[in-house]
Amino acid sequence: MSPAAIIQEARADGVMLSLSSAGTIKATGDGAAVNRWLAVIREHKAEIIDVLKLGAGDTATASRWWLIHHPDRDPVEVACYPDATHAEILERHPDAVAAEPFTPTIRQPSAPLTAEEKEAIRAWLALIEETDPATITEVIERCQRDADVRDYFTMLAREDARPDFESESLNQWGQ
C-alpha cells in the first residue's frame, strides 16, 4: 500500500495523519481507530513522513505528474505544466485527501509518425496560433516517442481542424 493510500484509508477510518512540530507523525482521531492503524503507520513511517512533508509545502519536489486520491473514487492521474507542488495540487483539487507525484509509463508508438499525422498536428498548432518553433518541435518529438501524446494531439487535430459551418460556406467544403 502506498503512503498516500495509507493516509487516505486512515482518514476514511477517522484518523488524521499530520506532521508534528518535531517532524514525526501525529495521529489524531478515535483512540480505537488510531490503535488499529499504529502498526501500518510504524511500518511505513519514513514514506508517510515524506508525503506529509510534501503536503506541508515542500516546494523542492514539484512534479508534472500527480496521482490524486479522493475518498469516494479511484485515484486520478493529473499532468501539470508548469510543474506543480503538492500544496498547489491540493489547492486545485480541494476534494482530494492525498496526492503523490509519480512517473507515468510511456507507451511506445507501434509505427512511426506519418507525414499526414505530422502535418495535421502542425496545422492544429497553427490553428491555435502556436508559432514557437521550439514548442512545435517538442510536440512533434513527443508524438514520435509517446503513443498517448500522439493519440491526444491527433485527436485534437481531427476535432479542431473541422470547418466552422456557421461561418464557412458548405459549398467551400464540397457539400
N, C-alpha and C. Protein backbone atom coordinates (compact mmCIF):
# COMPACT_ATOMS: atom_id res chain seq x y z
N MET A 1 0.85 -1.17 0.00
CA MET A 1 0.00 0.00 0.00
C MET A 1 0.91 1.24 0.00
N SER A 2 0.58 2.20 -0.87
CA SER A 2 1.40 3.41 -0.95
C SER A 2 1.15 4.30 0.27
N PRO A 3 2.09 5.19 0.57
CA PRO A 3 1.89 6.09 1.71
C PRO A 3 0.64 6.96 1.56
N ALA A 4 0.39 7.43 0.33
CA ALA A 4 -0.80 8.25 0.11
C ALA A 4 -2.07 7.44 0.35
N ALA A 5 -2.06 6.17 -0.05
CA ALA A 5 -3.21 5.30 0.18
C ALA A 5 -3.41 5.06 1.68
N ILE A 6 -2.33 4.90 2.42
CA ILE A 6 -2.43 4.73 3.88
C ILE A 6 -3.07 5.97 4.49
N ILE A 7 -2.59 7.15 4.09
CA ILE A 7 -3.14 8.40 4.61
C ILE A 7 -4.62 8.50 4.27
N GLN A 8 -4.98 8.16 3.04
CA GLN A 8 -6.36 8.22 2.58
C GLN A 8 -7.25 7.25 3.36
N GLU A 9 -6.82 6.01 3.48
CA GLU A 9 -7.64 5.00 4.16
C GLU A 9 -7.74 5.28 5.66
N ALA A 10 -6.65 5.77 6.24
CA ALA A 10 -6.71 6.13 7.66
C ALA A 10 -7.70 7.27 7.86
N ARG A 11 -7.67 8.26 6.98
CA ARG A 11 -8.61 9.38 7.07
C ARG A 11 -10.05 8.89 6.94
N ALA A 12 -10.28 7.95 6.01
CA ALA A 12 -11.63 7.39 5.84
C ALA A 12 -12.08 6.66 7.10
N ASP A 13 -11.11 6.15 7.88
CA ASP A 13 -11.41 5.44 9.13
C ASP A 13 -11.45 6.40 10.32
N GLY A 14 -11.31 7.71 10.05
CA GLY A 14 -11.41 8.70 11.12
C GLY A 14 -10.09 9.07 11.77
N VAL A 15 -8.97 8.70 11.14
CA VAL A 15 -7.65 9.00 11.69
C VAL A 15 -6.97 10.03 10.79
N MET A 16 -6.60 11.15 11.35
CA MET A 16 -5.91 12.20 10.61
C MET A 16 -4.42 12.09 10.90
N LEU A 17 -3.62 12.00 9.85
CA LEU A 17 -2.18 11.95 9.99
C LEU A 17 -1.60 13.30 9.58
N SER A 18 -0.70 13.82 10.40
CA SER A 18 -0.05 15.09 10.10
C SER A 18 1.35 15.05 10.68
N LEU A 19 2.13 16.09 10.35
CA LEU A 19 3.48 16.19 10.91
C LEU A 19 3.43 16.96 12.22
N SER A 20 4.14 16.47 13.21
CA SER A 20 4.26 17.21 14.46
C SER A 20 5.33 18.28 14.28
N SER A 21 5.45 19.18 15.22
CA SER A 21 6.48 20.23 15.13
C SER A 21 7.88 19.62 15.15
N ALA A 22 8.02 18.42 15.68
CA ALA A 22 9.31 17.74 15.73
C ALA A 22 9.60 16.96 14.44
N GLY A 23 8.64 16.96 13.50
CA GLY A 23 8.84 16.25 12.24
C GLY A 23 8.49 14.79 12.27
N THR A 24 7.75 14.36 13.31
CA THR A 24 7.28 12.97 13.38
C THR A 24 5.80 12.94 13.02
N ILE A 25 5.25 11.75 12.92
CA ILE A 25 3.85 11.59 12.56
C ILE A 25 2.97 11.79 13.79
N LYS A 26 1.94 12.59 13.62
CA LYS A 26 0.95 12.82 14.66
C LYS A 26 -0.37 12.23 14.16
N ALA A 27 -0.90 11.24 14.88
CA ALA A 27 -2.16 10.58 14.52
C ALA A 27 -3.25 11.01 15.50
N THR A 28 -4.31 11.60 14.98
CA THR A 28 -5.42 12.04 15.83
C THR A 28 -6.72 11.42 15.36
N GLY A 29 -7.64 11.30 16.29
CA GLY A 29 -8.94 10.72 15.98
C GLY A 29 -9.37 9.79 17.09
N ASP A 30 -10.36 8.97 16.81
CA ASP A 30 -10.85 8.00 17.77
C ASP A 30 -9.71 7.07 18.20
N GLY A 31 -9.55 6.89 19.50
CA GLY A 31 -8.45 6.08 20.04
C GLY A 31 -8.39 4.68 19.47
N ALA A 32 -9.55 4.04 19.34
CA ALA A 32 -9.57 2.66 18.81
C ALA A 32 -9.12 2.65 17.35
N ALA A 33 -9.55 3.65 16.57
CA ALA A 33 -9.15 3.72 15.16
C ALA A 33 -7.65 3.99 15.06
N VAL A 34 -7.14 4.90 15.88
CA VAL A 34 -5.70 5.18 15.87
C VAL A 34 -4.92 3.91 16.19
N ASN A 35 -5.37 3.17 17.20
CA ASN A 35 -4.69 1.92 17.56
C ASN A 35 -4.70 0.91 16.42
N ARG A 36 -5.79 0.86 15.65
CA ARG A 36 -5.85 -0.06 14.50
C ARG A 36 -4.79 0.27 13.46
N TRP A 37 -4.43 1.53 13.34
CA TRP A 37 -3.51 1.99 12.30
C TRP A 37 -2.05 2.07 12.75
N LEU A 38 -1.78 1.96 14.03
CA LEU A 38 -0.41 2.16 14.51
C LEU A 38 0.63 1.25 13.85
N ALA A 39 0.33 -0.02 13.70
CA ALA A 39 1.30 -0.96 13.11
C ALA A 39 1.63 -0.57 11.66
N VAL A 40 0.61 -0.23 10.90
CA VAL A 40 0.82 0.16 9.49
C VAL A 40 1.61 1.47 9.43
N ILE A 41 1.26 2.40 10.30
CA ILE A 41 1.96 3.69 10.33
C ILE A 41 3.43 3.49 10.67
N ARG A 42 3.70 2.68 11.66
CA ARG A 42 5.10 2.42 12.04
C ARG A 42 5.87 1.76 10.91
N GLU A 43 5.22 0.80 10.23
CA GLU A 43 5.88 0.06 9.15
C GLU A 43 6.27 0.98 7.98
N HIS A 44 5.47 2.00 7.74
CA HIS A 44 5.69 2.89 6.59
C HIS A 44 6.02 4.32 7.02
N LYS A 45 6.58 4.46 8.20
CA LYS A 45 6.81 5.77 8.81
C LYS A 45 7.57 6.73 7.90
N ALA A 46 8.71 6.32 7.39
CA ALA A 46 9.54 7.23 6.59
C ALA A 46 8.81 7.70 5.33
N GLU A 47 8.13 6.78 4.66
CA GLU A 47 7.42 7.14 3.43
C GLU A 47 6.25 8.07 3.72
N ILE A 48 5.53 7.82 4.81
CA ILE A 48 4.40 8.68 5.19
C ILE A 48 4.91 10.08 5.52
N ILE A 49 6.02 10.15 6.24
CA ILE A 49 6.60 11.46 6.58
C ILE A 49 6.95 12.21 5.30
N ASP A 50 7.53 11.52 4.32
CA ASP A 50 7.88 12.18 3.05
C ASP A 50 6.64 12.77 2.38
N VAL A 51 5.54 12.01 2.35
CA VAL A 51 4.32 12.50 1.72
C VAL A 51 3.74 13.67 2.52
N LEU A 52 3.76 13.56 3.85
CA LEU A 52 3.24 14.66 4.68
C LEU A 52 4.10 15.91 4.54
N LYS A 53 5.41 15.74 4.36
CA LYS A 53 6.28 16.91 4.14
C LYS A 53 5.89 17.62 2.86
N LEU A 54 5.56 16.85 1.83
CA LEU A 54 5.10 17.46 0.59
C LEU A 54 3.86 18.30 0.85
N GLY A 55 2.96 17.76 1.64
CA GLY A 55 1.73 18.48 1.97
C GLY A 55 1.98 19.72 2.79
N ALA A 56 3.11 19.77 3.49
CA ALA A 56 3.44 20.94 4.29
C ALA A 56 4.08 22.04 3.46
N GLY A 57 4.19 21.82 2.14
CA GLY A 57 4.67 22.87 1.26
C GLY A 57 6.11 22.72 0.81
N ASP A 58 6.63 21.52 0.79
CA ASP A 58 7.99 21.30 0.31
C ASP A 58 8.02 21.55 -1.19
N THR A 59 8.45 22.75 -1.59
CA THR A 59 8.41 23.13 -3.00
C THR A 59 9.55 22.54 -3.81
N ALA A 60 10.50 21.94 -3.16
CA ALA A 60 11.62 21.34 -3.89
C ALA A 60 11.18 20.12 -4.67
N THR A 61 10.03 19.58 -4.37
CA THR A 61 9.57 18.37 -5.03
C THR A 61 8.37 18.64 -5.92
N ALA A 62 8.45 19.71 -6.70
CA ALA A 62 7.40 19.96 -7.68
C ALA A 62 7.47 18.86 -8.74
N SER A 63 6.32 18.53 -9.29
CA SER A 63 6.25 17.45 -10.28
C SER A 63 5.25 17.82 -11.36
N ARG A 64 5.45 17.25 -12.54
CA ARG A 64 4.49 17.43 -13.63
C ARG A 64 3.33 16.45 -13.48
N TRP A 65 3.60 15.27 -12.93
CA TRP A 65 2.61 14.20 -12.86
C TRP A 65 2.23 13.94 -11.41
N TRP A 66 0.92 13.91 -11.13
CA TRP A 66 0.41 13.67 -9.78
C TRP A 66 -0.69 12.63 -9.82
N LEU A 67 -0.71 11.78 -8.80
CA LEU A 67 -1.79 10.83 -8.60
C LEU A 67 -2.63 11.40 -7.46
N ILE A 68 -3.85 11.80 -7.77
CA ILE A 68 -4.74 12.46 -6.82
C ILE A 68 -5.68 11.41 -6.23
N HIS A 69 -5.73 11.33 -4.90
CA HIS A 69 -6.59 10.36 -4.21
C HIS A 69 -7.81 11.08 -3.65
N HIS A 70 -8.98 10.49 -3.88
CA HIS A 70 -10.25 11.02 -3.39
C HIS A 70 -10.89 9.99 -2.47
N PRO A 71 -11.71 10.43 -1.52
CA PRO A 71 -12.31 9.46 -0.60
C PRO A 71 -13.37 8.58 -1.24
N ASP A 72 -13.95 9.02 -2.37
CA ASP A 72 -15.12 8.33 -2.92
C ASP A 72 -14.93 7.77 -4.32
N ARG A 73 -13.70 7.74 -4.84
CA ARG A 73 -13.48 7.20 -6.18
C ARG A 73 -12.01 6.80 -6.35
N ASP A 74 -11.73 6.17 -7.47
CA ASP A 74 -10.37 5.73 -7.77
C ASP A 74 -9.44 6.95 -7.94
N PRO A 75 -8.16 6.75 -7.72
CA PRO A 75 -7.20 7.85 -7.93
C PRO A 75 -7.23 8.34 -9.38
N VAL A 76 -6.88 9.61 -9.56
CA VAL A 76 -6.88 10.24 -10.88
C VAL A 76 -5.47 10.72 -11.17
N GLU A 77 -4.99 10.44 -12.38
CA GLU A 77 -3.69 10.94 -12.81
C GLU A 77 -3.88 12.34 -13.38
N VAL A 78 -3.00 13.27 -12.97
CA VAL A 78 -3.09 14.65 -13.41
C VAL A 78 -1.72 15.08 -13.92
N ALA A 79 -1.71 15.75 -15.05
CA ALA A 79 -0.48 16.32 -15.59
C ALA A 79 -0.55 17.84 -15.47
N CYS A 80 0.55 18.46 -15.06
CA CYS A 80 0.60 19.91 -14.86
C CYS A 80 1.73 20.51 -15.67
N TYR A 81 1.46 21.65 -16.23
CA TYR A 81 2.53 22.41 -16.87
C TYR A 81 2.30 23.87 -16.58
N PRO A 82 3.20 24.54 -15.91
CA PRO A 82 4.48 24.03 -15.42
C PRO A 82 4.27 23.09 -14.24
N ASP A 83 5.37 22.48 -13.79
CA ASP A 83 5.31 21.56 -12.66
C ASP A 83 4.63 22.23 -11.46
N ALA A 84 3.93 21.43 -10.66
CA ALA A 84 3.20 21.94 -9.50
C ALA A 84 3.72 21.29 -8.23
N THR A 85 3.63 22.02 -7.13
CA THR A 85 3.99 21.47 -5.83
C THR A 85 2.79 20.74 -5.25
N HIS A 86 3.03 20.01 -4.19
CA HIS A 86 1.96 19.28 -3.51
C HIS A 86 0.88 20.25 -3.04
N ALA A 87 1.29 21.37 -2.45
CA ALA A 87 0.32 22.35 -1.95
C ALA A 87 -0.52 22.91 -3.10
N GLU A 88 0.11 23.17 -4.25
CA GLU A 88 -0.64 23.69 -5.40
C GLU A 88 -1.64 22.68 -5.92
N ILE A 89 -1.26 21.42 -5.95
CA ILE A 89 -2.17 20.36 -6.41
C ILE A 89 -3.37 20.26 -5.48
N LEU A 90 -3.12 20.24 -4.18
CA LEU A 90 -4.24 20.14 -3.24
C LEU A 90 -5.13 21.38 -3.29
N GLU A 91 -4.56 22.52 -3.59
CA GLU A 91 -5.36 23.74 -3.75
C GLU A 91 -6.26 23.62 -4.98
N ARG A 92 -5.74 23.05 -6.05
CA ARG A 92 -6.51 22.87 -7.29
C ARG A 92 -7.56 21.78 -7.17
N HIS A 93 -7.34 20.84 -6.25
CA HIS A 93 -8.25 19.70 -6.06
C HIS A 93 -8.67 19.65 -4.59
N PRO A 94 -9.53 20.56 -4.15
CA PRO A 94 -9.87 20.66 -2.73
C PRO A 94 -10.57 19.44 -2.16
N ASP A 95 -11.18 18.60 -3.02
CA ASP A 95 -11.85 17.40 -2.52
C ASP A 95 -10.88 16.22 -2.37
N ALA A 96 -9.62 16.40 -2.75
CA ALA A 96 -8.63 15.33 -2.64
C ALA A 96 -8.23 15.12 -1.18
N VAL A 97 -7.94 13.87 -0.85
CA VAL A 97 -7.46 13.56 0.50
C VAL A 97 -5.95 13.37 0.53
N ALA A 98 -5.36 13.14 -0.63
CA ALA A 98 -3.91 12.97 -0.73
C ALA A 98 -3.50 13.10 -2.19
N ALA A 99 -2.23 13.38 -2.38
CA ALA A 99 -1.67 13.45 -3.73
C ALA A 99 -0.21 13.02 -3.65
N GLU A 100 0.23 12.32 -4.68
CA GLU A 100 1.62 11.89 -4.70
C GLU A 100 2.16 12.01 -6.12
N PRO A 101 3.41 12.49 -6.25
CA PRO A 101 4.00 12.55 -7.58
C PRO A 101 4.29 11.14 -8.08
N PHE A 102 4.25 10.97 -9.40
CA PHE A 102 4.57 9.67 -9.97
C PHE A 102 5.19 9.88 -11.34
N THR A 103 5.79 8.83 -11.85
CA THR A 103 6.36 8.84 -13.19
C THR A 103 5.46 8.00 -14.07
N PRO A 104 4.88 8.61 -15.10
CA PRO A 104 3.97 7.84 -15.95
C PRO A 104 4.71 6.81 -16.79
N THR A 105 3.99 5.78 -17.16
CA THR A 105 4.52 4.78 -18.08
C THR A 105 4.30 5.30 -19.49
N ILE A 106 5.34 5.31 -20.27
CA ILE A 106 5.23 5.81 -21.64
C ILE A 106 5.05 4.63 -22.58
N ARG A 107 3.93 4.66 -23.31
CA ARG A 107 3.67 3.63 -24.32
C ARG A 107 4.38 4.05 -25.61
N GLN A 108 5.19 3.15 -26.12
CA GLN A 108 5.88 3.42 -27.38
C GLN A 108 4.89 3.25 -28.54
N PRO A 109 4.92 4.15 -29.51
CA PRO A 109 4.04 4.00 -30.68
C PRO A 109 4.40 2.73 -31.45
N SER A 110 3.40 2.13 -32.06
CA SER A 110 3.63 0.89 -32.81
C SER A 110 4.18 1.15 -34.21
N ALA A 111 4.08 2.41 -34.67
CA ALA A 111 4.58 2.77 -36.00
C ALA A 111 5.09 4.20 -35.95
N PRO A 112 5.95 4.56 -36.89
CA PRO A 112 6.44 5.95 -36.93
C PRO A 112 5.30 6.93 -37.20
N LEU A 113 5.49 8.16 -36.79
CA LEU A 113 4.54 9.23 -37.06
C LEU A 113 4.50 9.44 -38.57
N THR A 114 3.31 9.40 -39.15
CA THR A 114 3.21 9.56 -40.61
C THR A 114 3.32 11.04 -40.98
N ALA A 115 3.62 11.28 -42.23
CA ALA A 115 3.69 12.66 -42.73
C ALA A 115 2.33 13.34 -42.59
N GLU A 116 1.26 12.61 -42.81
CA GLU A 116 -0.09 13.17 -42.69
C GLU A 116 -0.40 13.55 -41.24
N GLU A 117 -0.02 12.68 -40.29
CA GLU A 117 -0.24 12.99 -38.88
C GLU A 117 0.57 14.22 -38.47
N LYS A 118 1.82 14.25 -38.91
CA LYS A 118 2.69 15.38 -38.58
C LYS A 118 2.10 16.68 -39.13
N GLU A 119 1.62 16.64 -40.38
CA GLU A 119 1.05 17.84 -40.98
C GLU A 119 -0.24 18.25 -40.27
N ALA A 120 -1.07 17.28 -39.87
CA ALA A 120 -2.32 17.59 -39.16
C ALA A 120 -2.02 18.23 -37.80
N ILE A 121 -1.00 17.72 -37.11
CA ILE A 121 -0.62 18.30 -35.81
C ILE A 121 -0.09 19.71 -36.00
N ARG A 122 0.76 19.91 -37.01
CA ARG A 122 1.27 21.25 -37.30
C ARG A 122 0.13 22.21 -37.65
N ALA A 123 -0.84 21.72 -38.41
CA ALA A 123 -1.99 22.57 -38.78
C ALA A 123 -2.80 22.94 -37.55
N TRP A 124 -2.98 21.97 -36.64
CA TRP A 124 -3.73 22.28 -35.42
C TRP A 124 -2.98 23.30 -34.57
N LEU A 125 -1.67 23.14 -34.47
CA LEU A 125 -0.87 24.10 -33.71
C LEU A 125 -0.98 25.49 -34.33
N ALA A 126 -0.99 25.56 -35.65
CA ALA A 126 -1.17 26.86 -36.32
C ALA A 126 -2.56 27.41 -36.03
N LEU A 127 -3.57 26.54 -36.01
CA LEU A 127 -4.94 26.95 -35.73
C LEU A 127 -5.06 27.59 -34.35
N ILE A 128 -4.32 27.09 -33.38
CA ILE A 128 -4.37 27.67 -32.03
C ILE A 128 -3.31 28.77 -31.86
N GLU A 129 -2.70 29.13 -32.99
CA GLU A 129 -1.72 30.21 -33.03
C GLU A 129 -0.46 29.93 -32.24
N GLU A 130 -0.06 28.66 -32.25
CA GLU A 130 1.22 28.28 -31.65
C GLU A 130 2.28 28.42 -32.72
N THR A 131 3.16 29.38 -32.57
CA THR A 131 4.16 29.66 -33.59
C THR A 131 5.60 29.47 -33.10
N ASP A 132 5.78 29.16 -31.83
CA ASP A 132 7.12 28.99 -31.29
C ASP A 132 7.74 27.72 -31.86
N PRO A 133 8.83 27.85 -32.63
CA PRO A 133 9.44 26.67 -33.25
C PRO A 133 9.88 25.61 -32.24
N ALA A 134 10.37 26.03 -31.08
CA ALA A 134 10.81 25.06 -30.06
C ALA A 134 9.61 24.25 -29.54
N THR A 135 8.49 24.91 -29.32
CA THR A 135 7.30 24.21 -28.84
C THR A 135 6.78 23.25 -29.90
N ILE A 136 6.75 23.68 -31.15
CA ILE A 136 6.28 22.82 -32.24
C ILE A 136 7.18 21.60 -32.36
N THR A 137 8.48 21.81 -32.29
CA THR A 137 9.43 20.70 -32.37
C THR A 137 9.22 19.74 -31.19
N GLU A 138 9.04 20.29 -30.00
CA GLU A 138 8.82 19.44 -28.82
C GLU A 138 7.56 18.59 -28.97
N VAL A 139 6.48 19.19 -29.45
CA VAL A 139 5.22 18.44 -29.64
C VAL A 139 5.44 17.31 -30.63
N ILE A 140 6.05 17.60 -31.77
CA ILE A 140 6.28 16.57 -32.79
C ILE A 140 7.18 15.46 -32.24
N GLU A 141 8.25 15.83 -31.54
CA GLU A 141 9.15 14.82 -30.98
C GLU A 141 8.44 13.94 -29.95
N ARG A 142 7.61 14.56 -29.10
CA ARG A 142 6.87 13.76 -28.11
C ARG A 142 5.89 12.82 -28.80
N CYS A 143 5.26 13.29 -29.88
CA CYS A 143 4.33 12.44 -30.63
C CYS A 143 5.05 11.26 -31.28
N GLN A 144 6.33 11.43 -31.59
CA GLN A 144 7.10 10.35 -32.20
C GLN A 144 7.48 9.26 -31.21
N ARG A 145 7.56 9.61 -29.90
CA ARG A 145 8.03 8.61 -28.93
C ARG A 145 7.00 8.21 -27.87
N ASP A 146 5.83 8.85 -27.85
CA ASP A 146 4.83 8.55 -26.82
C ASP A 146 3.46 8.39 -27.49
N ALA A 147 2.94 7.16 -27.47
CA ALA A 147 1.67 6.86 -28.15
C ALA A 147 0.51 7.65 -27.56
N ASP A 148 0.49 7.85 -26.25
CA ASP A 148 -0.62 8.60 -25.65
C ASP A 148 -0.59 10.07 -26.06
N VAL A 149 0.59 10.66 -26.12
CA VAL A 149 0.71 12.05 -26.58
C VAL A 149 0.28 12.13 -28.04
N ARG A 150 0.72 11.18 -28.84
CA ARG A 150 0.32 11.16 -30.26
C ARG A 150 -1.19 11.06 -30.39
N ASP A 151 -1.80 10.13 -29.65
CA ASP A 151 -3.25 9.97 -29.72
C ASP A 151 -3.96 11.27 -29.35
N TYR A 152 -3.47 11.94 -28.32
CA TYR A 152 -4.07 13.20 -27.86
C TYR A 152 -3.99 14.27 -28.94
N PHE A 153 -2.81 14.49 -29.50
CA PHE A 153 -2.66 15.56 -30.49
C PHE A 153 -3.34 15.23 -31.81
N THR A 154 -3.34 13.97 -32.22
CA THR A 154 -4.04 13.64 -33.47
C THR A 154 -5.55 13.76 -33.27
N MET A 155 -6.05 13.46 -32.07
CA MET A 155 -7.47 13.66 -31.78
C MET A 155 -7.82 15.15 -31.85
N LEU A 156 -6.98 15.99 -31.25
CA LEU A 156 -7.22 17.43 -31.31
C LEU A 156 -7.21 17.92 -32.75
N ALA A 157 -6.26 17.42 -33.52
CA ALA A 157 -6.16 17.82 -34.93
C ALA A 157 -7.41 17.41 -35.70
N ARG A 158 -7.94 16.22 -35.44
CA ARG A 158 -9.16 15.77 -36.13
C ARG A 158 -10.36 16.62 -35.73
N GLU A 159 -10.50 16.91 -34.44
CA GLU A 159 -11.67 17.64 -33.96
C GLU A 159 -11.64 19.12 -34.32
N ASP A 160 -10.50 19.77 -34.15
CA ASP A 160 -10.43 21.21 -34.33
C ASP A 160 -10.13 21.63 -35.75
N ALA A 161 -9.73 20.71 -36.62
CA ALA A 161 -9.45 21.07 -38.00
C ALA A 161 -10.73 21.10 -38.83
N ARG A 162 -11.85 20.67 -38.25
CA ARG A 162 -13.11 20.71 -38.97
C ARG A 162 -13.50 22.16 -39.25
N PRO A 163 -14.13 22.40 -40.39
CA PRO A 163 -14.55 23.78 -40.67
C PRO A 163 -15.66 24.21 -39.74
N ASP A 164 -15.70 25.51 -39.48
CA ASP A 164 -16.78 26.09 -38.69
C ASP A 164 -17.94 26.35 -39.65
N PHE A 165 -18.93 25.46 -39.63
CA PHE A 165 -20.01 25.54 -40.61
C PHE A 165 -20.90 26.75 -40.42
N GLU A 166 -20.83 27.41 -39.29
CA GLU A 166 -21.62 28.63 -39.10
C GLU A 166 -21.02 29.80 -39.84
N SER A 167 -19.70 29.80 -40.05
CA SER A 167 -19.09 30.92 -40.72
C SER A 167 -18.54 30.58 -42.10
N GLU A 168 -18.50 29.33 -42.45
CA GLU A 168 -17.97 28.91 -43.75
C GLU A 168 -19.11 28.39 -44.62
N SER A 169 -18.97 28.61 -45.86
CA SER A 169 -19.97 28.11 -46.80
C SER A 169 -19.81 26.61 -46.94
N LEU A 170 -20.91 25.87 -46.94
CA LEU A 170 -20.84 24.43 -47.14
C LEU A 170 -20.29 24.10 -48.52
N ASN A 171 -20.57 24.96 -49.50
CA ASN A 171 -20.06 24.69 -50.85
C ASN A 171 -18.54 24.73 -50.88
N GLN A 172 -17.93 25.54 -50.03
CA GLN A 172 -16.49 25.61 -49.99
C GLN A 172 -15.89 24.26 -49.64
N TRP A 173 -16.61 23.46 -48.89
CA TRP A 173 -16.11 22.16 -48.41
C TRP A 173 -16.66 21.01 -49.26
N GLY A 174 -17.20 21.32 -50.40
CA GLY A 174 -17.67 20.26 -51.29
C GLY A 174 -18.98 19.64 -50.89
N GLN A 175 -19.79 20.35 -50.13
CA GLN A 175 -21.09 19.84 -49.68
C GLN A 175 -22.20 20.37 -50.54
